[in-house]
Amino acid sequence: MRLSVLHSALFRGLLASFHDVYGDLEPTAAPTFLGQLDLPTNTQHLAELRHVLAAGHKNHYCSPGAWDDALRSCS
């Protein structure tokens, strides 16, 4: 977390984990971790990932409609 140059890579890892069939994000820890990343406000899919995590979803495959809902809500 101290190396801000890695924050974008960490974000991409969280995003990939949400969409991966074997991904399993912890809905209480992941938003805290995500909030500690220094990311540009216009980071693609940042708002959508925050949205699905705030709703308690662990991954795309357990909650297939959650991402589409986040896309609609965040646009």
Protein backbone atom coordinates (compact mmCIF):
# COMPACT_ATOMS: atom_id res chain seq x y z
CA MET A 1 0.00 0.00 0.00
CA ARG A 2 2.94 2.33 0.54
CA LEU A 3 3.95 2.21 -3.13
CA SER A 4 1.32 4.29 -4.87
CA VAL A 5 2.77 3.30 -8.24
CA LEU A 6 1.25 -0.15 -7.64
CA HIS A 7 -2.24 1.05 -6.75
CA SER A 8 -3.56 0.74 -10.31
CA ALA A 9 -2.29 -2.84 -10.50
CA LEU A 10 -3.91 -3.66 -7.17
CA PHE A 11 -7.19 -2.21 -8.41
CA ARG A 12 -7.01 -4.30 -11.59
CA GLY A 13 -6.41 -7.35 -9.40
CA LEU A 14 -9.51 -6.63 -7.33
CA LEU A 15 -11.57 -6.05 -10.46
CA ALA A 16 -10.29 -9.26 -12.07
CA SER A 17 -11.01 -11.18 -8.87
CA PHE A 18 -14.59 -9.98 -8.91
CA HIS A 19 -15.08 -11.15 -12.49
CA ASP A 20 -13.09 -14.39 -12.28
CA VAL A 21 -15.02 -17.63 -11.88
CA TYR A 22 -12.78 -18.51 -8.91
CA GLY A 23 -12.73 -14.97 -7.53
CA ASP A 24 -14.02 -14.47 -4.02
CA LEU A 25 -13.70 -10.97 -2.62
CA GLU A 26 -14.50 -10.34 1.01
CA PRO A 27 -17.31 -7.75 0.85
CA THR A 28 -16.32 -6.15 4.15
CA ALA A 29 -12.54 -6.02 3.66
CA ALA A 30 -12.39 -5.28 -0.07
CA PRO A 31 -14.09 -1.84 0.12
CA THR A 32 -11.70 -0.81 2.90
CA PHE A 33 -8.73 -1.94 0.83
CA LEU A 34 -10.15 -0.24 -2.25
CA GLY A 35 -10.61 3.00 -0.30
CA GLN A 36 -6.92 3.05 0.61
CA LEU A 37 -5.82 3.03 -3.02
CA ASP A 38 -4.82 6.37 -4.51
CA LEU A 39 -6.62 6.14 -7.86
CA PRO A 40 -7.71 8.81 -10.34
CA THR A 41 -11.38 9.65 -9.93
CA ASN A 42 -11.99 8.70 -13.56
CA THR A 43 -10.62 5.15 -13.14
CA GLN A 44 -12.73 2.93 -15.38
CA HIS A 45 -15.07 0.63 -13.38
CA LEU A 46 -14.05 2.07 -9.99
CA ALA A 47 -17.57 3.26 -9.19
CA GLU A 48 -19.09 -0.02 -10.37
CA LEU A 49 -16.73 -2.10 -8.23
CA ARG A 50 -17.52 0.05 -5.20
CA HIS A 51 -21.22 -0.39 -5.94
CA VAL A 52 -21.16 -4.20 -6.08
CA LEU A 53 -18.96 -4.46 -3.00
CA ALA A 54 -21.21 -2.09 -1.05
CA ALA A 55 -24.12 -4.36 -1.94
CA GLY A 56 -22.22 -7.32 -0.44
CA HIS A 57 -21.42 -9.24 -3.63
CA LYS A 58 -18.31 -11.46 -3.61
CA ASN A 59 -18.02 -12.17 -7.32
CA HIS A 60 -19.77 -11.88 -10.65
CA TYR A 61 -20.69 -15.55 -10.89
CA CYS A 62 -22.51 -15.74 -7.56
CA SER A 63 -24.40 -12.53 -8.40
CA PRO A 64 -24.67 -12.41 -12.20
CA GLY A 65 -26.99 -9.39 -12.37
CA ALA A 66 -25.06 -7.26 -9.89
CA TRP A 67 -22.52 -5.91 -12.38
CA ASP A 68 -25.20 -4.92 -14.89
CA ASP A 69 -27.07 -3.16 -12.10
CA ALA A 70 -23.88 -1.34 -11.12
CA LEU A 71 -23.30 -0.27 -14.73
CA ARG A 72 -26.81 1.21 -14.89
CA SER A 73 -26.57 2.86 -11.48
CA CYS A 74 -23.15 4.39 -12.02
CA SER A 75 -23.59 5.79 -15.52
